[in-house]
PDB file of N, CA and C in Angstrom:
ATOM      1  N   MET A   1      88.855  20.741 160.241  1.00  0.00           N
ATOM      2  CA  MET A   1      90.098  20.423 159.579  1.00  0.00           C
ATOM      3  C   MET A   1      90.013  18.982 159.055  1.00  0.00           C
ATOM      4  N   ILE A   2      90.371  18.800 157.805  1.00  0.00           N
ATOM      5  CA  ILE A   2      90.376  17.460 157.220  1.00  0.00           C
ATOM      6  C   ILE A   2      91.648  16.739 157.643  1.00  0.00           C
ATOM      7  N   ILE A   3      91.462  15.574 158.233  1.00  0.00           N
ATOM      8  CA  ILE A   3      92.590  14.758 158.677  1.00  0.00           C
ATOM      9  C   ILE A   3      92.922  13.687 157.653  1.00  0.00           C
ATOM     10  N   GLY A   4      91.897  13.158 157.007  1.00  0.00           N
ATOM     11  CA  GLY A   4      92.132  12.120 156.007  1.00  0.00           C
ATOM     12  C   GLY A   4      90.981  12.019 155.034  1.00  0.00           C
ATOM     13  N   HIS A   5      91.292  11.488 153.863  1.00  0.00           N
ATOM     14  CA  HIS A   5      90.269  11.280 152.837  1.00  0.00           C
ATOM     15  C   HIS A   5      90.579   9.969 152.136  1.00  0.00           C
ATOM     16  N   GLY A   6      89.562   9.153 151.939  1.00  0.00           N
ATOM     17  CA  GLY A   6      89.732   7.892 151.229  1.00  0.00           C
ATOM     18  C   GLY A   6      88.613   7.673 150.234  1.00  0.00           C
ATOM     19  N   VAL A   7      88.949   7.046 149.128  1.00  0.00           N
ATOM     20  CA  VAL A   7      87.975   6.706 148.091  1.00  0.00           C
ATOM     21  C   VAL A   7      88.198   5.253 147.711  1.00  0.00           C
ATOM     22  N   ASP A   8      87.116   4.523 147.486  1.00  0.00           N
ATOM     23  CA  ASP A   8      87.249   3.137 147.042  1.00  0.00           C
ATOM     24  C   ASP A   8      86.135   2.817 146.055  1.00  0.00           C
ATOM     25  N   ILE A   9      86.445   1.934 145.136  1.00  0.00           N
ATOM     26  CA  ILE A   9      85.487   1.494 144.126  1.00  0.00           C
ATOM     27  C   ILE A   9      85.470  -0.035 144.124  1.00  0.00           C
ATOM     28  N   VAL A  10      84.285  -0.611 143.998  1.00  0.00           N
ATOM     29  CA  VAL A  10      84.113  -2.061 144.065  1.00  0.00           C
ATOM     30  C   VAL A  10      83.212  -2.501 142.919  1.00  0.00           C
ATOM     31  N   GLU A  11      83.566  -3.597 142.287  1.00  0.00           N
ATOM     32  CA  GLU A  11      82.677  -4.190 141.287  1.00  0.00           C
ATOM     33  C   GLU A  11      81.560  -4.921 142.027  1.00  0.00           C
ATOM     34  N   THR A  12      80.320  -4.586 141.731  1.00  0.00           N
ATOM     35  CA  THR A  12      79.199  -5.206 142.438  1.00  0.00           C
ATOM     36  C   THR A  12      79.130  -6.706 142.175  1.00  0.00           C
ATOM     37  N   ALA A  13      79.611  -7.152 141.027  1.00  0.00           N
ATOM     38  CA  ALA A  13      79.611  -8.586 140.716  1.00  0.00           C
ATOM     39  C   ALA A  13      80.480  -9.359 141.704  1.00  0.00           C
ATOM     40  N   ARG A  14      81.540  -8.727 142.192  1.00  0.00           N
ATOM     41  CA  ARG A  14      82.414  -9.382 143.184  1.00  0.00           C
ATOM     42  C   ARG A  14      81.636  -9.663 144.466  1.00  0.00           C
ATOM     43  N   ILE A  15      80.857  -8.685 144.909  1.00  0.00           N
ATOM     44  CA  ILE A  15      80.065  -8.860 146.128  1.00  0.00           C
ATOM     45  C   ILE A  15      78.951  -9.874 145.888  1.00  0.00           C
ATOM     46  N   GLU A  16      78.336  -9.820 144.723  1.00  0.00           N
ATOM     47  CA  GLU A  16      77.289 -10.789 144.377  1.00  0.00           C
ATOM     48  C   GLU A  16      77.852 -12.210 144.393  1.00  0.00           C
ATOM     49  N   ARG A  17      79.057 -12.365 143.889  1.00  0.00           N
ATOM     50  CA  ARG A  17      79.714 -13.678 143.872  1.00  0.00           C
ATOM     51  C   ARG A  17      79.994 -14.168 145.299  1.00  0.00           C
ATOM     52  N   LEU A  18      80.507 -13.281 146.149  1.00  0.00           N
ATOM     53  CA  LEU A  18      80.775 -13.657 147.540  1.00  0.00           C
ATOM     54  C   LEU A  18      79.489 -14.026 148.272  1.00  0.00           C
ATOM     55  N   LEU A  19      78.420 -13.300 147.998  1.00  0.00           N
ATOM     56  CA  LEU A  19      77.124 -13.626 148.606  1.00  0.00           C
ATOM     57  C   LEU A  19      76.613 -14.975 148.128  1.00  0.00           C
ATOM     58  N   GLY A  20      76.895 -15.309 146.875  1.00  0.00           N
ATOM     59  CA  GLY A  20      76.457 -16.587 146.325  1.00  0.00           C
ATOM     60  C   GLY A  20      77.284 -17.754 146.821  1.00  0.00           C
ATOM     61  N   ASP A  21      78.599 -17.548 146.958  1.00  0.00           N
ATOM     62  CA  ASP A  21      79.506 -18.633 147.347  1.00  0.00           C
ATOM     63  C   ASP A  21      79.491 -18.924 148.844  1.00  0.00           C
ATOM     64  N   HIS A  22      79.550 -17.882 149.659  1.00  0.00           N
ATOM     65  CA  HIS A  22      79.667 -18.041 151.116  1.00  0.00           C
ATOM     66  C   HIS A  22      78.833 -16.978 151.832  1.00  0.00           C
ATOM     67  N   PRO A  23      77.523 -16.998 151.678  1.00  0.00           N
ATOM     68  CA  PRO A  23      76.714 -15.878 152.180  1.00  0.00           C
ATOM     69  C   PRO A  23      76.850 -15.611 153.675  1.00  0.00           C
ATOM     70  N   GLU A  24      76.694 -16.625 154.493  1.00  0.00           N
ATOM     71  CA  GLU A  24      76.742 -16.398 155.940  1.00  0.00           C
ATOM     72  C   GLU A  24      78.121 -15.965 156.387  1.00  0.00           C
ATOM     73  N   ARG A  25      79.139 -16.662 155.921  1.00  0.00           N
ATOM     74  CA  ARG A  25      80.514 -16.338 156.312  1.00  0.00           C
ATOM     75  C   ARG A  25      80.885 -14.918 155.892  1.00  0.00           C
ATOM     76  N   PHE A  26      80.553 -14.562 154.663  1.00  0.00           N
ATOM     77  CA  PHE A  26      80.870 -13.231 154.155  1.00  0.00           C
ATOM     78  C   PHE A  26      80.132 -12.153 154.952  1.00  0.00           C
ATOM     79  N   LEU A  27      78.832 -12.320 155.135  1.00  0.00           N
ATOM     80  CA  LEU A  27      78.044 -11.318 155.857  1.00  0.00           C
ATOM     81  C   LEU A  27      78.516 -11.151 157.294  1.00  0.00           C
ATOM     82  N   GLU A  28      78.742 -12.252 157.992  1.00  0.00           N
ATOM     83  CA  GLU A  28      79.157 -12.191 159.398  1.00  0.00           C
ATOM     84  C   GLU A  28      80.542 -11.570 159.562  1.00  0.00           C
ATOM     85  N   ARG A  29      81.426 -11.848 158.633  1.00  0.00           N
ATOM     86  CA  ARG A  29      82.807 -11.361 158.732  1.00  0.00           C
ATOM     87  C   ARG A  29      82.913  -9.869 158.422  1.00  0.00           C
ATOM     88  N   VAL A  30      82.116  -9.391 157.472  1.00  0.00           N
ATOM     89  CA  VAL A  30      82.311  -8.039 156.949  1.00  0.00           C
ATOM     90  C   VAL A  30      81.310  -7.017 157.488  1.00  0.00           C
ATOM     91  N   PHE A  31      80.082  -7.424 157.773  1.00  0.00           N
ATOM     92  CA  PHE A  31      79.024  -6.468 158.092  1.00  0.00           C
ATOM     93  C   PHE A  31      78.453  -6.694 159.488  1.00  0.00           C
ATOM     94  N   THR A  32      78.118  -5.596 160.158  1.00  0.00           N
ATOM     95  CA  THR A  32      77.475  -5.699 161.468  1.00  0.00           C
ATOM     96  C   THR A  32      76.057  -6.235 161.290  1.00  0.00           C
ATOM     97  N   SER A  33      75.451  -6.630 162.384  1.00  0.00           N
ATOM     98  CA  SER A  33      74.080  -7.148 162.297  1.00  0.00           C
ATOM     99  C   SER A  33      73.121  -6.078 161.775  1.00  0.00           C
ATOM    100  N   ASP A  34      73.334  -4.816 162.151  1.00  0.00           N
ATOM    101  CA  ASP A  34      72.476  -3.739 161.635  1.00  0.00           C
ATOM    102  C   ASP A  34      72.667  -3.547 160.135  1.00  0.00           C
ATOM    103  N   GLU A  35      73.903  -3.610 159.655  1.00  0.00           N
ATOM    104  CA  GLU A  35      74.153  -3.481 158.217  1.00  0.00           C
ATOM    105  C   GLU A  35      73.503  -4.633 157.455  1.00  0.00           C
ATOM    106  N   GLN A  36      73.592  -5.826 158.013  1.00  0.00           N
ATOM    107  CA  GLN A  36      72.969  -6.983 157.367  1.00  0.00           C
ATOM    108  C   GLN A  36      71.454  -6.807 157.303  1.00  0.00           C
ATOM    109  N   ARG A  37      70.864  -6.368 158.401  1.00  0.00           N
ATOM    110  CA  ARG A  37      69.411  -6.174 158.466  1.00  0.00           C
ATOM    111  C   ARG A  37      68.972  -5.110 157.456  1.00  0.00           C
ATOM    112  N   ASP A  38      69.705  -4.006 157.388  1.00  0.00           N
ATOM    113  CA  ASP A  38      69.365  -2.939 156.436  1.00  0.00           C
ATOM    114  C   ASP A  38      69.431  -3.426 154.996  1.00  0.00           C
ATOM    115  N   SER A  39      70.382  -4.289 154.701  1.00  0.00           N
ATOM    116  CA  SER A  39      70.556  -4.750 153.317  1.00  0.00           C
ATOM    117  C   SER A  39      69.439  -5.695 152.881  1.00  0.00           C
ATOM    118  N   GLN A  40      68.797  -6.362 153.831  1.00  0.00           N
ATOM    119  CA  GLN A  40      67.754  -7.323 153.487  1.00  0.00           C
ATOM    120  C   GLN A  40      66.530  -6.655 152.876  1.00  0.00           C
ATOM    121  N   SER A  41      66.326  -5.388 153.192  1.00  0.00           N
ATOM    122  CA  SER A  41      65.169  -4.686 152.635  1.00  0.00           C
ATOM    123  C   SER A  41      65.461  -4.089 151.257  1.00  0.00           C
ATOM    124  N   SER A  42      66.702  -4.188 150.829  1.00  0.00           N
ATOM    125  CA  SER A  42      67.085  -3.639 149.527  1.00  0.00           C
ATOM    126  C   SER A  42      66.765  -4.629 148.410  1.00  0.00           C
ATOM    127  N   LYS A  43      66.213  -4.121 147.313  1.00  0.00           N
ATOM    128  CA  LYS A  43      65.901  -4.987 146.173  1.00  0.00           C
ATOM    129  C   LYS A  43      67.168  -5.523 145.522  1.00  0.00           C
ATOM    130  N   ARG A  44      68.220  -4.756 145.579  1.00  0.00           N
ATOM    131  CA  ARG A  44      69.511  -5.163 145.008  1.00  0.00           C
ATOM    132  C   ARG A  44      70.531  -5.229 146.137  1.00  0.00           C
ATOM    133  N   GLN A  45      70.426  -6.261 146.947  1.00  0.00           N
ATOM    134  CA  GLN A  45      71.249  -6.396 148.142  1.00  0.00           C
ATOM    135  C   GLN A  45      72.740  -6.299 147.829  1.00  0.00           C
ATOM    136  N   HIS A  46      73.179  -6.926 146.753  1.00  0.00           N
ATOM    137  CA  HIS A  46      74.615  -6.921 146.461  1.00  0.00           C
ATOM    138  C   HIS A  46      75.124  -5.513 146.144  1.00  0.00           C
ATOM    139  N   GLU A  47      74.309  -4.668 145.517  1.00  0.00           N
ATOM    140  CA  GLU A  47      74.718  -3.290 145.246  1.00  0.00           C
ATOM    141  C   GLU A  47      74.775  -2.485 146.542  1.00  0.00           C
ATOM    142  N   HIS A  48      73.776  -2.673 147.387  1.00  0.00           N
ATOM    143  CA  HIS A  48      73.712  -2.007 148.691  1.00  0.00           C
ATOM    144  C   HIS A  48      74.955  -2.359 149.516  1.00  0.00           C
ATOM    145  N   LEU A  49      75.270  -3.645 149.578  1.00  0.00           N
ATOM    146  CA  LEU A  49      76.423  -4.092 150.358  1.00  0.00           C
ATOM    147  C   LEU A  49      77.739  -3.672 149.719  1.00  0.00           C
ATOM    148  N   ALA A  50      77.796  -3.641 148.403  1.00  0.00           N
ATOM    149  CA  ALA A  50      79.028  -3.221 147.720  1.00  0.00           C
ATOM    150  C   ALA A  50      79.380  -1.783 148.082  1.00  0.00           C
ATOM    151  N   ALA A  51      78.388  -0.912 148.172  1.00  0.00           N
ATOM    152  CA  ALA A  51      78.647   0.480 148.547  1.00  0.00           C
ATOM    153  C   ALA A  51      79.179   0.565 149.972  1.00  0.00           C
ATOM    154  N   ARG A  52      78.652  -0.254 150.865  1.00  0.00           N
ATOM    155  CA  ARG A  52      79.118  -0.256 152.250  1.00  0.00           C
ATOM    156  C   ARG A  52      80.509  -0.883 152.371  1.00  0.00           C
ATOM    157  N   PHE A  53      80.765  -1.902 151.576  1.00  0.00           N
ATOM    158  CA  PHE A  53      82.095  -2.507 151.514  1.00  0.00           C
ATOM    159  C   PHE A  53      83.104  -1.442 151.080  1.00  0.00           C
ATOM    160  N   ALA A  54      82.765  -0.684 150.040  1.00  0.00           N
ATOM    161  CA  ALA A  54      83.643   0.385 149.552  1.00  0.00           C
ATOM    162  C   ALA A  54      83.857   1.448 150.629  1.00  0.00           C
ATOM    163  N   ALA A  55      82.823   1.759 151.400  1.00  0.00           N
ATOM    164  CA  ALA A  55      82.950   2.759 152.462  1.00  0.00           C
ATOM    165  C   ALA A  55      83.923   2.302 153.540  1.00  0.00           C
ATOM    166  N   LYS A  56      83.886   1.026 153.881  1.00  0.00           N
ATOM    167  CA  LYS A  56      84.811   0.502 154.884  1.00  0.00           C
ATOM    168  C   LYS A  56      86.252   0.606 154.386  1.00  0.00           C
ATOM    169  N   GLU A  57      86.467   0.250 153.125  1.00  0.00           N
ATOM    170  CA  GLU A  57      87.805   0.368 152.531  1.00  0.00           C
ATOM    171  C   GLU A  57      88.240   1.833 152.472  1.00  0.00           C
ATOM    172  N   ALA A  58      87.329   2.722 152.088  1.00  0.00           N
ATOM    173  CA  ALA A  58      87.654   4.147 152.014  1.00  0.00           C
ATOM    174  C   ALA A  58      87.987   4.706 153.397  1.00  0.00           C
ATOM    175  N   ALA A  59      87.292   4.241 154.427  1.00  0.00           N
ATOM    176  CA  ALA A  59      87.577   4.688 155.791  1.00  0.00           C
ATOM    177  C   ALA A  59      88.988   4.290 156.210  1.00  0.00           C
ATOM    178  N   LEU A  60      89.402   3.082 155.843  1.00  0.00           N
ATOM    179  CA  LEU A  60      90.768   2.655 156.159  1.00  0.00           C
ATOM    180  C   LEU A  60      91.792   3.536 155.458  1.00  0.00           C
ATOM    181  N   LYS A  61      91.485   3.941 154.247  1.00  0.00           N
ATOM    182  CA  LYS A  61      92.381   4.850 153.519  1.00  0.00           C
ATOM    183  C   LYS A  61      92.412   6.218 154.196  1.00  0.00           C
ATOM    184  N   ALA A  62      91.268   6.687 154.675  1.00  0.00           N
ATOM    185  CA  ALA A  62      91.223   7.965 155.389  1.00  0.00           C
ATOM    186  C   ALA A  62      92.034   7.894 156.682  1.00  0.00           C
ATOM    187  N   LEU A  63      92.004   6.737 157.335  1.00  0.00           N
ATOM    188  CA  LEU A  63      92.807   6.536 158.545  1.00  0.00           C
ATOM    189  C   LEU A  63      94.290   6.360 158.220  1.00  0.00           C
ATOM    190  N   GLY A  64      94.570   5.921 157.007  1.00  0.00           N
ATOM    191  CA  GLY A  64      95.955   5.695 156.601  1.00  0.00           C
ATOM    192  C   GLY A  64      96.554   4.421 157.151  1.00  0.00           C
ATOM    193  N   THR A  65      95.702   3.478 157.537  1.00  0.00           N
ATOM    194  CA  THR A  65      96.197   2.267 158.197  1.00  0.00           C
ATOM    195  C   THR A  65      96.126   1.014 157.341  1.00  0.00           C
ATOM    196  N   GLY A  66      95.174   0.952 156.421  1.00  0.00           N
ATOM    197  CA  GLY A  66      94.896  -0.332 155.794  1.00  0.00           C
ATOM    198  C   GLY A  66      94.450  -1.291 156.887  1.00  0.00           C
ATOM    199  N   TRP A  67      94.651  -2.560 156.641  1.00  0.00           N
ATOM    200  CA  TRP A  67      94.262  -3.577 157.633  1.00  0.00           C
ATOM    201  C   TRP A  67      95.415  -3.917 158.567  1.00  0.00           C
ATOM    202  N   SER A  68      96.510  -3.188 158.497  1.00  0.00           N
ATOM    203  CA  SER A  68      97.740  -3.574 159.189  1.00  0.00           C
ATOM    204  C   SER A  68      97.727  -3.380 160.695  1.00  0.00           C
ATOM    205  N   GLN A  69      96.784  -2.639 161.241  1.00  0.00           N
ATOM    206  CA  GLN A  69      96.841  -2.330 162.668  1.00  0.00           C
ATOM    207  C   GLN A  69      95.727  -2.975 163.479  1.00  0.00           C
ATOM    208  N   GLY A  70      95.240  -4.103 163.022  1.00  0.00           N
ATOM    209  CA  GLY A  70      94.280  -4.869 163.802  1.00  0.00           C
ATOM    210  C   GLY A  70      92.842  -4.404 163.732  1.00  0.00           C
ATOM    211  N   ILE A  71      92.501  -3.632 162.732  1.00  0.00           N
ATOM    212  CA  ILE A  71      91.115  -3.189 162.567  1.00  0.00           C
ATOM    213  C   ILE A  71      90.320  -4.313 161.914  1.00  0.00           C
ATOM    214  N   GLY A  72      89.149  -4.598 162.477  1.00  0.00           N
ATOM    215  CA  GLY A  72      88.269  -5.609 161.902  1.00  0.00           C
ATOM    216  C   GLY A  72      87.223  -4.956 161.012  1.00  0.00           C
ATOM    217  N   TRP A  73      86.685  -5.737 160.086  1.00  0.00           N
ATOM    218  CA  TRP A  73      85.657  -5.216 159.177  1.00  0.00           C
ATOM    219  C   TRP A  73      84.501  -4.579 159.932  1.00  0.00           C
ATOM    220  N   THR A  74      84.069  -5.203 161.013  1.00  0.00           N
ATOM    221  CA  THR A  74      82.894  -4.699 161.729  1.00  0.00           C
ATOM    222  C   THR A  74      83.233  -3.569 162.698  1.00  0.00           C
ATOM    223  N   ASP A  75      84.508  -3.178 162.775  1.00  0.00           N
ATOM    224  CA  ASP A  75      84.883  -1.990 163.550  1.00  0.00           C
ATOM    225  C   ASP A  75      84.425  -0.716 162.845  1.00  0.00           C
ATOM    226  N   ILE A  76      84.105  -0.831 161.566  1.00  0.00           N
ATOM    227  CA  ILE A  76      83.633   0.301 160.769  1.00  0.00           C
ATOM    228  C   ILE A  76      82.232  -0.051 160.277  1.00  0.00           C
ATOM    229  N   GLU A  77      81.259   0.736 160.695  1.00  0.00           N
ATOM    230  CA  GLU A  77      79.862   0.461 160.345  1.00  0.00           C
ATOM    231  C   GLU A  77      79.255   1.663 159.630  1.00  0.00           C
ATOM    232  N   VAL A  78      78.607   1.407 158.515  1.00  0.00           N
ATOM    233  CA  VAL A  78      77.895   2.466 157.801  1.00  0.00           C
ATOM    234  C   VAL A  78      76.501   2.576 158.407  1.00  0.00           C
ATOM    235  N   VAL A  79      76.182   3.763 158.884  1.00  0.00           N
ATOM    236  CA  VAL A  79      74.877   4.034 159.493  1.00  0.00           C
ATOM    237  C   VAL A  79      74.209   5.162 158.710  1.00  0.00           C
ATOM    238  N   ARG A  80      72.904   5.282 158.893  1.00  0.00           N
ATOM    239  CA  ARG A  80      72.156   6.349 158.203  1.00  0.00           C
ATOM    240  C   ARG A  80      71.403   7.192 159.224  1.00  0.00           C
ATOM    241  N   ALA A  81      71.448   8.495 159.011  1.00  0.00           N
ATOM    242  CA  ALA A  81      70.646   9.417 159.813  1.00  0.00           C
ATOM    243  C   ALA A  81      69.185   9.280 159.380  1.00  0.00           C
ATOM    244  N   GLU A  82      68.287   9.880 160.137  1.00  0.00           N
ATOM    245  CA  GLU A  82      66.864   9.809 159.792  1.00  0.00           C
ATOM    246  C   GLU A  82      66.582  10.349 158.395  1.00  0.00           C
ATOM    247  N   ASN A  83      67.382  11.316 157.958  1.00  0.00           N
ATOM    248  CA  ASN A  83      67.183  11.894 156.626  1.00  0.00           C
ATOM    249  C   ASN A  83      67.823  11.053 155.522  1.00  0.00           C
ATOM    250  N   GLY A  84      68.422   9.927 155.895  1.00  0.00           N
ATOM    251  CA  GLY A  84      69.021   9.022 154.921  1.00  0.00           C
ATOM    252  C   GLY A  84      70.490   9.249 154.653  1.00  0.00           C
ATOM    253  N   LYS A  85      71.050  10.315 155.198  1.00  0.00           N
ATOM    254  CA  LYS A  85      72.458  10.634 154.967  1.00  0.00           C
ATOM    255  C   LYS A  85      73.353   9.579 155.625  1.00  0.00           C
ATOM    256  N   PRO A  86      74.294   9.010 154.864  1.00  0.00           N
ATOM    257  CA  PRO A  86      75.175   8.007 155.462  1.00  0.00           C
ATOM    258  C   PRO A  86      76.270   8.638 156.317  1.00  0.00           C
ATOM    259  N   SER A  87      76.703   7.884 157.301  1.00  0.00           N
ATOM    260  CA  SER A  87      77.829   8.271 158.141  1.00  0.00           C
ATOM    261  C   SER A  87      78.502   6.990 158.614  1.00  0.00           C
ATOM    262  N   LEU A  88      79.505   7.136 159.448  1.00  0.00           N
ATOM    263  CA  LEU A  88      80.200   5.970 159.992  1.00  0.00           C
ATOM    264  C   LEU A  88      80.082   5.939 161.498  1.00  0.00           C
ATOM    265  N   ARG A  89      80.033   4.743 162.028  1.00  0.00           N
ATOM    266  CA  ARG A  89      80.200   4.497 163.452  1.00  0.00           C
ATOM    267  C   ARG A  89      81.441   3.622 163.556  1.00  0.00           C
ATOM    268  N   VAL A  90      82.446   4.109 164.261  1.00  0.00           N
ATOM    269  CA  VAL A  90      83.664   3.309 164.417  1.00  0.00           C
ATOM    270  C   VAL A  90      83.768   2.834 165.857  1.00  0.00           C
ATOM    271  N   THR A  91      84.197   1.596 166.011  1.00  0.00           N
ATOM    272  CA  THR A  91      84.337   0.980 167.324  1.00  0.00           C
ATOM    273  C   THR A  91      85.670   0.243 167.367  1.00  0.00           C
ATOM    274  N   GLY A  92      85.969  -0.330 168.515  1.00  0.00           N
ATOM    275  CA  GLY A  92      87.154  -1.174 168.643  1.00  0.00           C
ATOM    276  C   GLY A  92      88.437  -0.457 168.258  1.00  0.00           C
ATOM    277  N   ARG A  93      89.292  -1.185 167.572  1.00  0.00           N
ATOM    278  CA  ARG A  93      90.608  -0.656 167.188  1.00  0.00           C
ATOM    279  C   ARG A  93      90.490   0.560 166.265  1.00  0.00           C
ATOM    280  N   ALA A  94      89.505   0.574 165.377  1.00  0.00           N
ATOM    281  CA  ALA A  94      89.311   1.728 164.488  1.00  0.00           C
ATOM    282  C   ALA A  94      89.018   2.989 165.299  1.00  0.00           C
ATOM    283  N   ALA A  95      88.209   2.867 166.341  1.00  0.00           N
ATOM    284  CA  ALA A  95      87.884   4.013 167.190  1.00  0.00           C
ATOM    285  C   ALA A  95      89.115   4.489 167.952  1.00  0.00           C
ATOM    286  N   GLN A  96      89.937   3.550 168.413  1.00  0.00           N
ATOM    287  CA  GLN A  96      91.170   3.926 169.119  1.00  0.00           C
ATOM    288  C   GLN A  96      92.092   4.732 168.211  1.00  0.00           C
ATOM    289  N   ILE A  97      92.282   4.254 167.004  1.00  0.00           N
ATOM    290  CA  ILE A  97      93.170   4.936 166.062  1.00  0.00           C
ATOM    291  C   ILE A  97      92.592   6.297 165.677  1.00  0.00           C
ATOM    292  N   ALA A  98      91.295   6.335 165.363  1.00  0.00           N
ATOM    293  CA  ALA A  98      90.645   7.598 164.989  1.00  0.00           C
ATOM    294  C   ALA A  98      90.750   8.618 166.123  1.00  0.00           C
ATOM    295  N   GLY A  99      90.514   8.166 167.347  1.00  0.00           N
ATOM    296  CA  GLY A  99      90.623   9.062 168.500  1.00  0.00           C
ATOM    297  C   GLY A  99      92.031   9.602 168.672  1.00  0.00           C
ATOM    298  N   GLY A 100      93.019   8.742 168.477  1.00  0.00           N
ATOM    299  CA  GLY A 100      94.413   9.159 168.573  1.00  0.00           C
ATOM    300  C   GLY A 100      94.807  10.169 167.506  1.00  0.00           C
ATOM    301  N   MET A 101      94.115  10.125 166.395  1.00  0.00           N
ATOM    302  CA  MET A 101      94.382  11.067 165.298  1.00  0.00           C
ATOM    303  C   MET A 101      93.576  12.358 165.444  1.00  0.00           C
ATOM    304  N   GLY A 102      92.665  12.397 166.413  1.00  0.00           N
ATOM    305  CA  GLY A 102      91.838  13.582 166.620  1.00  0.00           C
ATOM    306  C   GLY A 102      90.617  13.655 165.720  1.00  0.00           C
ATOM    307  N   ILE A 103      90.214  12.524 165.154  1.00  0.00           N
ATOM    308  CA  ILE A 103      89.034  12.501 164.289  1.00  0.00           C
ATOM    309  C   ILE A 103      87.779  12.570 165.154  1.00  0.00           C
ATOM    310  N   VAL A 104      86.919  13.522 164.838  1.00  0.00           N
ATOM    311  CA  VAL A 104      85.675  13.689 165.602  1.00  0.00           C
ATOM    312  C   VAL A 104      84.422  13.541 164.744  1.00  0.00           C
ATOM    313  N   ARG A 105      84.564  13.630 163.413  1.00  0.00           N
ATOM    314  CA  ARG A 105      83.426  13.494 162.512  1.00  0.00           C
ATOM    315  C   ARG A 105      83.839  12.756 161.249  1.00  0.00           C
ATOM    316  N   TRP A 106      82.850  12.071 160.680  1.00  0.00           N
ATOM    317  CA  TRP A 106      83.045  11.369 159.413  1.00  0.00           C
ATOM    318  C   TRP A 106      82.032  11.884 158.403  1.00  0.00           C
ATOM    319  N   HIS A 107      82.478  12.066 157.179  1.00  0.00           N
ATOM    320  CA  HIS A 107      81.590  12.446 156.086  1.00  0.00           C
ATOM    321  C   HIS A 107      81.680  11.343 155.041  1.00  0.00           C
ATOM    322  N   VAL A 108      80.525  10.827 154.641  1.00  0.00           N
ATOM    323  CA  VAL A 108      80.488   9.666 153.750  1.00  0.00           C
ATOM    324  C   VAL A 108      79.570   9.955 152.571  1.00  0.00           C
ATOM    325  N   SER A 109      80.035   9.582 151.392  1.00  0.00           N
ATOM    326  CA  SER A 109      79.197   9.641 150.200  1.00  0.00           C
ATOM    327  C   SER A 109      79.266   8.285 149.516  1.00  0.00           C
ATOM    328  N   LEU A 110      78.105   7.736 149.179  1.00  0.00           N
ATOM    329  CA  LEU A 110      78.008   6.426 148.535  1.00  0.00           C
ATOM    330  C   LEU A 110      77.257   6.559 147.223  1.00  0.00           C
ATOM    331  N   SER A 111      77.656   5.768 146.243  1.00  0.00           N
ATOM    332  CA  SER A 111      76.914   5.711 144.994  1.00  0.00           C
ATOM    333  C   SER A 111      77.155   4.353 144.351  1.00  0.00           C
ATOM    334  N   HIS A 112      76.177   3.898 143.569  1.00  0.00           N
ATOM    335  CA  HIS A 112      76.384   2.633 142.866  1.00  0.00           C
ATOM    336  C   HIS A 112      75.512   2.559 141.627  1.00  0.00           C
ATOM    337  N   THR A 113      75.975   1.726 140.706  1.00  0.00           N
ATOM    338  CA  THR A 113      75.207   1.350 139.529  1.00  0.00           C
ATOM    339  C   THR A 113      75.079  -0.164 139.592  1.00  0.00           C
ATOM    340  N   GLU A 114      74.574  -0.766 138.540  1.00  0.00           N
ATOM    341  CA  GLU A 114      74.513  -2.229 138.514  1.00  0.00           C
ATOM    342  C   GLU A 114      75.908  -2.836 138.519  1.00  0.00           C
ATOM    343  N   ALA A 115      76.898  -2.115 138.009  1.00  0.00           N
ATOM    344  CA  ALA A 115      78.235  -2.676 137.836  1.00  0.00           C
ATOM    345  C   ALA A 115      79.238  -2.282 138.911  1.00  0.00           C
ATOM    346  N   ILE A 116      79.142  -1.059 139.433  1.00  0.00           N
ATOM    347  CA  ILE A 116      80.149  -0.594 140.387  1.00  0.00           C
ATOM    348  C   ILE A 116      79.512   0.144 141.552  1.00  0.00           C
ATOM    349  N   ALA A 117      80.255   0.157 142.656  1.00  0.00           N
ATOM    350  CA  ALA A 117      79.888   0.959 143.821  1.00  0.00           C
ATOM    351  C   ALA A 117      81.117   1.765 144.204  1.00  0.00           C
ATOM    352  N   ILE A 118      80.883   2.980 144.651  1.00  0.00           N
ATOM    353  CA  ILE A 118      81.984   3.858 145.030  1.00  0.00           C
ATOM    354  C   ILE A 118      81.641   4.542 146.341  1.00  0.00           C
ATOM    355  N   ALA A 119      82.669   4.807 147.138  1.00  0.00           N
ATOM    356  CA  ALA A 119      82.481   5.521 148.393  1.00  0.00           C
ATOM    357  C   ALA A 119      83.623   6.505 148.582  1.00  0.00           C
ATOM    358  N   SER A 120      83.280   7.636 149.154  1.00  0.00           N
ATOM    359  CA  SER A 120      84.252   8.642 149.557  1.00  0.00           C
ATOM    360  C   SER A 120      84.046   8.885 151.042  1.00  0.00           C
ATOM    361  N   VAL A 121      85.142   8.876 151.800  1.00  0.00           N
ATOM    362  CA  VAL A 121      85.069   9.087 153.243  1.00  0.00           C
ATOM    363  C   VAL A 121      86.067  10.176 153.624  1.00  0.00           C
ATOM    364  N   ILE A 122      85.580  11.180 154.327  1.00  0.00           N
ATOM    365  CA  ILE A 122      86.437  12.242 154.844  1.00  0.00           C
ATOM    366  C   ILE A 122      86.416  12.157 156.361  1.00  0.00           C
ATOM    367  N   ALA A 123      87.609  12.138 156.955  1.00  0.00           N
ATOM    368  CA  ALA A 123      87.767  12.146 158.403  1.00  0.00           C
ATOM    369  C   ALA A 123      88.088  13.577 158.818  1.00  0.00           C
ATOM    370  N   GLU A 124      87.291  14.109 159.737  1.00  0.00           N
ATOM    371  CA  GLU A 124      87.447  15.507 160.137  1.00  0.00           C
ATOM    372  C   GLU A 124      87.793  15.614 161.615  1.00  0.00           C
ATOM    373  N   GLY A 125      88.663  16.544 161.924  1.00  0.00           N
ATOM    374  CA  GLY A 125      89.006  16.875 163.302  1.00  0.00           C
ATOM    375  C   GLY A 125      88.601  18.306 163.594  1.00  0.00           C
ATOM    376  N   ASP A 126      88.743  18.709 164.846  1.00  0.00           N
ATOM    377  CA  ASP A 126      88.406  20.098 165.219  1.00  0.00           C
ATOM    378  C   ASP A 126      89.501  21.051 164.835  1.00  0.00           C
TER     379      ASP A 126
END
């Protein structure tokens, strides 16, 4: 059963600008250490991170909370299965809210071009 669905789109230039202006602060605030490590191997780091940024925003839309209920950026982490398929790992306040809503699975789709990144997140319950 689908509990929530969120979609978000991000201009990759915005992420590139944030990486240029405040790289450490931006990375530490928004991305987990694993997400940061994964992005370092990407030739276009800002596009890679923009897609993950969009996924975090889309997850909040799927939860229906926005940032209003104490969820931190790193409470939502984009992870990849061995086959490369993206998914989410939620922790902290995001996990509490998701659990209360009966969410047991996340479905994530990411895409990007040089100019934009988009993510779709579906929250599924039993």
